[in-house]
Amino acid sequence: MKTNYLKQLLIVLICLIGLNASGKYLVEMSHIETLFDGLNVMIFFACFFPFLVLTTSILNKMFRTIYKFAHN
């Protein structure tokens, strides 16, 4: 496994932890009242988009590898 994949997996895991922690708080929150609430929303979206892009990239590479393996 290349180090690029390991770096991507590490970033996905970090984003997953951030999404989990901030997402639980966002579900319990009714509206933004304090600066901490706003920071939590920012953390959620700062983790969401890299998670989405990297997960799509990793899955694309995985499916491409499976496809090449199956047809060779």
PDB file of N, CA and C in Angstrom:
ATOM      1  N   MET A   1       0.847  -1.171   0.000  1.00  0.00           N
ATOM      2  CA  MET A   1       0.000   0.000   0.000  1.00  0.00           C
ATOM      3  C   MET A   1       0.896   1.239   0.000  1.00  0.00           C
ATOM      4  N   LYS A   2       0.585   2.177  -0.844  1.00  0.00           N
ATOM      5  CA  LYS A   2       1.388   3.388  -0.938  1.00  0.00           C
ATOM      6  C   LYS A   2       1.104   4.302   0.245  1.00  0.00           C
ATOM      7  N   THR A   3       2.059   5.189   0.512  1.00  0.00           N
ATOM      8  CA  THR A   3       1.872   6.110   1.629  1.00  0.00           C
ATOM      9  C   THR A   3       0.751   7.105   1.334  1.00  0.00           C
ATOM     10  N   ASN A   4       0.483   7.378   0.052  1.00  0.00           N
ATOM     11  CA  ASN A   4      -0.607   8.283  -0.302  1.00  0.00           C
ATOM     12  C   ASN A   4      -1.946   7.732   0.191  1.00  0.00           C
ATOM     13  N   TYR A   5      -2.135   6.427   0.029  1.00  0.00           N
ATOM     14  CA  TYR A   5      -3.364   5.801   0.522  1.00  0.00           C
ATOM     15  C   TYR A   5      -3.447   5.876   2.043  1.00  0.00           C
ATOM     16  N   LEU A   6      -2.311   5.665   2.691  1.00  0.00           N
ATOM     17  CA  LEU A   6      -2.300   5.721   4.153  1.00  0.00           C
ATOM     18  C   LEU A   6      -2.614   7.133   4.648  1.00  0.00           C
ATOM     19  N   LYS A   7      -2.074   8.130   3.973  1.00  0.00           N
ATOM     20  CA  LYS A   7      -2.374   9.515   4.351  1.00  0.00           C
ATOM     21  C   LYS A   7      -3.850   9.827   4.149  1.00  0.00           C
ATOM     22  N   GLN A   8      -4.398   9.362   3.040  1.00  0.00           N
ATOM     23  CA  GLN A   8      -5.812   9.593   2.782  1.00  0.00           C
ATOM     24  C   GLN A   8      -6.680   8.894   3.814  1.00  0.00           C
ATOM     25  N   LEU A   9      -6.324   7.655   4.154  1.00  0.00           N
ATOM     26  CA  LEU A   9      -7.093   6.933   5.175  1.00  0.00           C
ATOM     27  C   LEU A   9      -6.999   7.612   6.536  1.00  0.00           C
ATOM     28  N   LEU A  10      -5.829   8.135   6.866  1.00  0.00           N
ATOM     29  CA  LEU A  10      -5.653   8.837   8.135  1.00  0.00           C
ATOM     30  C   LEU A  10      -6.515  10.101   8.172  1.00  0.00           C
ATOM     31  N   ILE A  11      -6.536  10.851   7.074  1.00  0.00           N
ATOM     32  CA  ILE A  11      -7.369  12.054   7.019  1.00  0.00           C
ATOM     33  C   ILE A  11      -8.845  11.695   7.102  1.00  0.00           C
ATOM     34  N   VAL A  12      -9.253  10.609   6.436  1.00  0.00           N
ATOM     35  CA  VAL A  12     -10.649  10.172   6.503  1.00  0.00           C
ATOM     36  C   VAL A  12     -11.019   9.791   7.933  1.00  0.00           C
ATOM     37  N   LEU A  13     -10.132   9.108   8.636  1.00  0.00           N
ATOM     38  CA  LEU A  13     -10.417   8.725  10.025  1.00  0.00           C
ATOM     39  C   LEU A  13     -10.521   9.944  10.930  1.00  0.00           C
ATOM     40  N   ILE A  14      -9.638  10.930  10.735  1.00  0.00           N
ATOM     41  CA  ILE A  14      -9.697  12.152  11.537  1.00  0.00           C
ATOM     42  C   ILE A  14     -10.995  12.903  11.258  1.00  0.00           C
ATOM     43  N   CYS A  15     -11.364  12.986   9.982  1.00  0.00           N
ATOM     44  CA  CYS A  15     -12.619  13.658   9.622  1.00  0.00           C
ATOM     45  C   CYS A  15     -13.823  12.898  10.153  1.00  0.00           C
ATOM     46  N   LEU A  16     -13.743  11.580  10.162  1.00  0.00           N
ATOM     47  CA  LEU A  16     -14.842  10.774  10.686  1.00  0.00           C
ATOM     48  C   LEU A  16     -15.048  11.034  12.176  1.00  0.00           C
ATOM     49  N   ILE A  17     -13.977  11.157  12.911  1.00  0.00           N
ATOM     50  CA  ILE A  17     -14.078  11.459  14.343  1.00  0.00           C
ATOM     51  C   ILE A  17     -14.675  12.853  14.542  1.00  0.00           C
ATOM     52  N   GLY A  18     -14.209  13.820  13.741  1.00  0.00           N
ATOM     53  CA  GLY A  18     -14.759  15.177  13.837  1.00  0.00           C
ATOM     54  C   GLY A  18     -16.226  15.231  13.468  1.00  0.00           C
ATOM     55  N   LEU A  19     -16.608  14.495  12.421  1.00  0.00           N
ATOM     56  CA  LEU A  19     -18.017  14.450  12.019  1.00  0.00           C
ATOM     57  C   LEU A  19     -18.881  13.817  13.095  1.00  0.00           C
ATOM     58  N   ASN A  20     -18.384  12.758  13.693  1.00  0.00           N
ATOM     59  CA  ASN A  20     -19.149  12.063  14.724  1.00  0.00           C
ATOM     60  C   ASN A  20     -19.363  12.957  15.941  1.00  0.00           C
ATOM     61  N   ALA A  21     -18.293  13.574  16.412  1.00  0.00           N
ATOM     62  CA  ALA A  21     -18.396  14.397  17.617  1.00  0.00           C
ATOM     63  C   ALA A  21     -19.253  15.633  17.378  1.00  0.00           C
ATOM     64  N   SER A  22     -19.001  16.342  16.285  1.00  0.00           N
ATOM     65  CA  SER A  22     -19.767  17.565  16.042  1.00  0.00           C
ATOM     66  C   SER A  22     -21.181  17.254  15.573  1.00  0.00           C
ATOM     67  N   GLY A  23     -21.371  16.141  14.879  1.00  0.00           N
ATOM     68  CA  GLY A  23     -22.707  15.771  14.423  1.00  0.00           C
ATOM     69  C   GLY A  23     -23.640  15.436  15.565  1.00  0.00           C
ATOM     70  N   LYS A  24     -23.119  14.747  16.571  1.00  0.00           N
ATOM     71  CA  LYS A  24     -23.948  14.442  17.745  1.00  0.00           C
ATOM     72  C   LYS A  24     -24.395  15.724  18.433  1.00  0.00           C
ATOM     73  N   TYR A  25     -23.495  16.685  18.520  1.00  0.00           N
ATOM     74  CA  TYR A  25     -23.848  17.950  19.159  1.00  0.00           C
ATOM     75  C   TYR A  25     -24.852  18.723  18.313  1.00  0.00           C
ATOM     76  N   LEU A  26     -24.681  18.692  16.989  1.00  0.00           N
ATOM     77  CA  LEU A  26     -25.598  19.411  16.099  1.00  0.00           C
ATOM     78  C   LEU A  26     -27.015  18.839  16.155  1.00  0.00           C
ATOM     79  N   VAL A  27     -27.128  17.526  16.309  1.00  0.00           N
ATOM     80  CA  VAL A  27     -28.441  16.901  16.391  1.00  0.00           C
ATOM     81  C   VAL A  27     -29.171  17.364  17.651  1.00  0.00           C
ATOM     82  N   GLU A  28     -28.460  17.520  18.745  1.00  0.00           N
ATOM     83  CA  GLU A  28     -29.075  17.928  20.005  1.00  0.00           C
ATOM     84  C   GLU A  28     -29.366  19.430  20.058  1.00  0.00           C
ATOM     85  N   MET A  29     -28.702  20.195  19.204  1.00  0.00           N
ATOM     86  CA  MET A  29     -28.812  21.657  19.228  1.00  0.00           C
ATOM     87  C   MET A  29     -30.034  22.106  18.413  1.00  0.00           C
ATOM     88  N   SER A  30     -30.822  23.039  18.963  1.00  0.00           N
ATOM     89  CA  SER A  30     -31.987  23.523  18.221  1.00  0.00           C
ATOM     90  C   SER A  30     -31.625  24.699  17.316  1.00  0.00           C
ATOM     91  N   HIS A  31     -30.810  25.619  17.798  1.00  0.00           N
ATOM     92  CA  HIS A  31     -30.339  26.729  16.976  1.00  0.00           C
ATOM     93  C   HIS A  31     -29.030  27.253  17.554  1.00  0.00           C
ATOM     94  N   ILE A  32     -28.343  28.066  16.779  1.00  0.00           N
ATOM     95  CA  ILE A  32     -27.030  28.574  17.187  1.00  0.00           C
ATOM     96  C   ILE A  32     -27.229  29.739  18.151  1.00  0.00           C
ATOM     97  N   GLU A  33     -26.695  29.592  19.365  1.00  0.00           N
ATOM     98  CA  GLU A  33     -26.820  30.636  20.375  1.00  0.00           C
ATOM     99  C   GLU A  33     -25.483  31.244  20.751  1.00  0.00           C
ATOM    100  N   THR A  34     -24.455  30.407  20.849  1.00  0.00           N
ATOM    101  CA  THR A  34     -23.167  30.897  21.331  1.00  0.00           C
ATOM    102  C   THR A  34     -22.108  30.751  20.244  1.00  0.00           C
ATOM    103  N   LEU A  35     -20.948  31.291  20.527  1.00  0.00           N
ATOM    104  CA  LEU A  35     -19.816  31.175  19.616  1.00  0.00           C
ATOM    105  C   LEU A  35     -19.366  29.723  19.488  1.00  0.00           C
ATOM    106  N   PHE A  36     -19.483  28.981  20.577  1.00  0.00           N
ATOM    107  CA  PHE A  36     -19.139  27.558  20.549  1.00  0.00           C
ATOM    108  C   PHE A  36     -20.033  26.787  19.588  1.00  0.00           C
ATOM    109  N   ASP A  37     -21.308  27.136  19.537  1.00  0.00           N
ATOM    110  CA  ASP A  37     -22.228  26.483  18.598  1.00  0.00           C
ATOM    111  C   ASP A  37     -21.825  26.777  17.161  1.00  0.00           C
ATOM    112  N   GLY A  38     -21.461  28.020  16.885  1.00  0.00           N
ATOM    113  CA  GLY A  38     -21.014  28.388  15.544  1.00  0.00           C
ATOM    114  C   GLY A  38     -19.723  27.690  15.176  1.00  0.00           C
ATOM    115  N   LEU A  39     -18.809  27.572  16.124  1.00  0.00           N
ATOM    116  CA  LEU A  39     -17.557  26.861  15.886  1.00  0.00           C
ATOM    117  C   LEU A  39     -17.817  25.393  15.602  1.00  0.00           C
ATOM    118  N   ASN A  40     -18.772  24.824  16.279  1.00  0.00           N
ATOM    119  CA  ASN A  40     -19.125  23.422  16.070  1.00  0.00           C
ATOM    120  C   ASN A  40     -19.685  23.206  14.664  1.00  0.00           C
ATOM    121  N   VAL A  41     -20.491  24.128  14.190  1.00  0.00           N
ATOM    122  CA  VAL A  41     -21.020  24.040  12.826  1.00  0.00           C
ATOM    123  C   VAL A  41     -19.875  24.138  11.819  1.00  0.00           C
ATOM    124  N   MET A  42     -18.926  25.045  12.080  1.00  0.00           N
ATOM    125  CA  MET A  42     -17.776  25.187  11.182  1.00  0.00           C
ATOM    126  C   MET A  42     -16.930  23.925  11.166  1.00  0.00           C
ATOM    127  N   ILE A  43     -16.735  23.307  12.307  1.00  0.00           N
ATOM    128  CA  ILE A  43     -15.960  22.061  12.379  1.00  0.00           C
ATOM    129  C   ILE A  43     -16.667  20.960  11.605  1.00  0.00           C
ATOM    130  N   PHE A  44     -17.983  20.901  11.726  1.00  0.00           N
ATOM    131  CA  PHE A  44     -18.738  19.876  11.005  1.00  0.00           C
ATOM    132  C   PHE A  44     -18.514  19.995   9.501  1.00  0.00           C
ATOM    133  N   PHE A  45     -18.681  21.197   8.956  1.00  0.00           N
ATOM    134  CA  PHE A  45     -18.536  21.357   7.515  1.00  0.00           C
ATOM    135  C   PHE A  45     -17.076  21.302   7.067  1.00  0.00           C
ATOM    136  N   ALA A  46     -16.142  21.690   7.944  1.00  0.00           N
ATOM    137  CA  ALA A  46     -14.719  21.563   7.605  1.00  0.00           C
ATOM    138  C   ALA A  46     -14.310  20.096   7.551  1.00  0.00           C
ATOM    139  N   CYS A  47     -14.989  19.233   8.268  1.00  0.00           N
ATOM    140  CA  CYS A  47     -14.709  17.798   8.225  1.00  0.00           C
ATOM    141  C   CYS A  47     -15.529  17.091   7.147  1.00  0.00           C
ATOM    142  N   PHE A  48     -16.714  17.606   6.855  1.00  0.00           N
ATOM    143  CA  PHE A  48     -17.622  16.924   5.929  1.00  0.00           C
ATOM    144  C   PHE A  48     -17.083  16.887   4.505  1.00  0.00           C
ATOM    145  N   PHE A  49     -16.640  18.020   3.986  1.00  0.00           N
ATOM    146  CA  PHE A  49     -16.234  18.061   2.587  1.00  0.00           C
ATOM    147  C   PHE A  49     -14.956  17.275   2.301  1.00  0.00           C
ATOM    148  N   PRO A  50     -13.899  17.362   3.136  1.00  0.00           N
ATOM    149  CA  PRO A  50     -12.742  16.480   2.886  1.00  0.00           C
ATOM    150  C   PRO A  50     -13.094  15.000   3.019  1.00  0.00           C
ATOM    151  N   PHE A  51     -13.969  14.680   3.980  1.00  0.00           N
ATOM    152  CA  PHE A  51     -14.405  13.300   4.142  1.00  0.00           C
ATOM    153  C   PHE A  51     -15.110  12.808   2.887  1.00  0.00           C
ATOM    154  N   LEU A  52     -15.994  13.614   2.351  1.00  0.00           N
ATOM    155  CA  LEU A  52     -16.749  13.247   1.161  1.00  0.00           C
ATOM    156  C   LEU A  52     -15.834  13.067  -0.054  1.00  0.00           C
ATOM    157  N   VAL A  53     -14.932  14.002  -0.267  1.00  0.00           N
ATOM    158  CA  VAL A  53     -14.035  13.949  -1.426  1.00  0.00           C
ATOM    159  C   VAL A  53     -13.065  12.780  -1.316  1.00  0.00           C
ATOM    160  N   LEU A  54     -12.451  12.611  -0.158  1.00  0.00           N
ATOM    161  CA  LEU A  54     -11.468  11.530  -0.008  1.00  0.00           C
ATOM    162  C   LEU A  54     -12.113  10.152  -0.011  1.00  0.00           C
ATOM    163  N   THR A  55     -13.285  10.026   0.576  1.00  0.00           N
ATOM    164  CA  THR A  55     -13.976   8.741   0.547  1.00  0.00           C
ATOM    165  C   THR A  55     -14.351   8.361  -0.874  1.00  0.00           C
ATOM    166  N   THR A  56     -14.819   9.337  -1.645  1.00  0.00           N
ATOM    167  CA  THR A  56     -15.140   9.082  -3.048  1.00  0.00           C
ATOM    168  C   THR A  56     -13.896   8.679  -3.822  1.00  0.00           C
ATOM    169  N   SER A  57     -12.788   9.352  -3.570  1.00  0.00           N
ATOM    170  CA  SER A  57     -11.531   9.037  -4.251  1.00  0.00           C
ATOM    171  C   SER A  57     -11.038   7.630  -3.895  1.00  0.00           C
ATOM    172  N   ILE A  58     -11.082   7.292  -2.625  1.00  0.00           N
ATOM    173  CA  ILE A  58     -10.623   5.968  -2.194  1.00  0.00           C
ATOM    174  C   ILE A  58     -11.511   4.867  -2.774  1.00  0.00           C
ATOM    175  N   LEU A  59     -12.821   5.079  -2.745  1.00  0.00           N
ATOM    176  CA  LEU A  59     -13.736   4.075  -3.306  1.00  0.00           C
ATOM    177  C   LEU A  59     -13.549   3.938  -4.817  1.00  0.00           C
ATOM    178  N   ASN A  60     -13.301   5.057  -5.502  1.00  0.00           N
ATOM    179  CA  ASN A  60     -13.060   5.018  -6.938  1.00  0.00           C
ATOM    180  C   ASN A  60     -11.804   4.205  -7.247  1.00  0.00           C
ATOM    181  N   LYS A  61     -10.739   4.439  -6.496  1.00  0.00           N
ATOM    182  CA  LYS A  61      -9.496   3.680  -6.696  1.00  0.00           C
ATOM    183  C   LYS A  61      -9.704   2.204  -6.388  1.00  0.00           C
ATOM    184  N   MET A  62     -10.468   1.919  -5.345  1.00  0.00           N
ATOM    185  CA  MET A  62     -10.711   0.530  -4.972  1.00  0.00           C
ATOM    186  C   MET A  62     -11.506  -0.199  -6.058  1.00  0.00           C
ATOM    187  N   PHE A  63     -12.570   0.441  -6.553  1.00  0.00           N
ATOM    188  CA  PHE A  63     -13.369  -0.187  -7.603  1.00  0.00           C
ATOM    189  C   PHE A  63     -12.584  -0.342  -8.895  1.00  0.00           C
ATOM    190  N   ARG A  64     -11.723   0.629  -9.206  1.00  0.00           N
ATOM    191  CA  ARG A  64     -10.887   0.541 -10.397  1.00  0.00           C
ATOM    192  C   ARG A  64      -9.904  -0.635 -10.279  1.00  0.00           C
ATOM    193  N   THR A  65      -9.348  -0.832  -9.095  1.00  0.00           N
ATOM    194  CA  THR A  65      -8.427  -1.941  -8.871  1.00  0.00           C
ATOM    195  C   THR A  65      -9.155  -3.262  -8.967  1.00  0.00           C
ATOM    196  N   ILE A  66     -10.338  -3.362  -8.405  1.00  0.00           N
ATOM    197  CA  ILE A  66     -11.126  -4.595  -8.496  1.00  0.00           C
ATOM    198  C   ILE A  66     -11.491  -4.888  -9.947  1.00  0.00           C
ATOM    199  N   TYR A  67     -11.868  -3.852 -10.695  1.00  0.00           N
ATOM    200  CA  TYR A  67     -12.233  -4.017 -12.096  1.00  0.00           C
ATOM    201  C   TYR A  67     -11.040  -4.528 -12.917  1.00  0.00           C
ATOM    202  N   LYS A  68      -9.858  -3.934 -12.670  1.00  0.00           N
ATOM    203  CA  LYS A  68      -8.657  -4.370 -13.396  1.00  0.00           C
ATOM    204  C   LYS A  68      -8.300  -5.804 -13.023  1.00  0.00           C
ATOM    205  N   PHE A  69      -8.450  -6.138 -11.762  1.00  0.00           N
ATOM    206  CA  PHE A  69      -8.125  -7.496 -11.310  1.00  0.00           C
ATOM    207  C   PHE A  69      -9.078  -8.516 -11.920  1.00  0.00           C
ATOM    208  N   ALA A  70     -10.347  -8.161 -12.031  1.00  0.00           N
ATOM    209  CA  ALA A  70     -11.355  -9.090 -12.537  1.00  0.00           C
ATOM    210  C   ALA A  70     -11.231  -9.311 -14.049  1.00  0.00           C
ATOM    211  N   HIS A  71     -10.753  -8.300 -14.766  1.00  0.00           N
ATOM    212  CA  HIS A  71     -10.695  -8.399 -16.229  1.00  0.00           C
ATOM    213  C   HIS A  71      -9.317  -8.731 -16.772  1.00  0.00           C
ATOM    214  N   ASN A  72      -8.373  -9.032 -15.928  1.00  0.00           N
ATOM    215  CA  ASN A  72      -7.031  -9.432 -16.394  1.00  0.00           C
ATOM    216  C   ASN A  72      -6.731 -10.864 -16.081  1.00  0.00           C
TER     217      ASN A  72
END
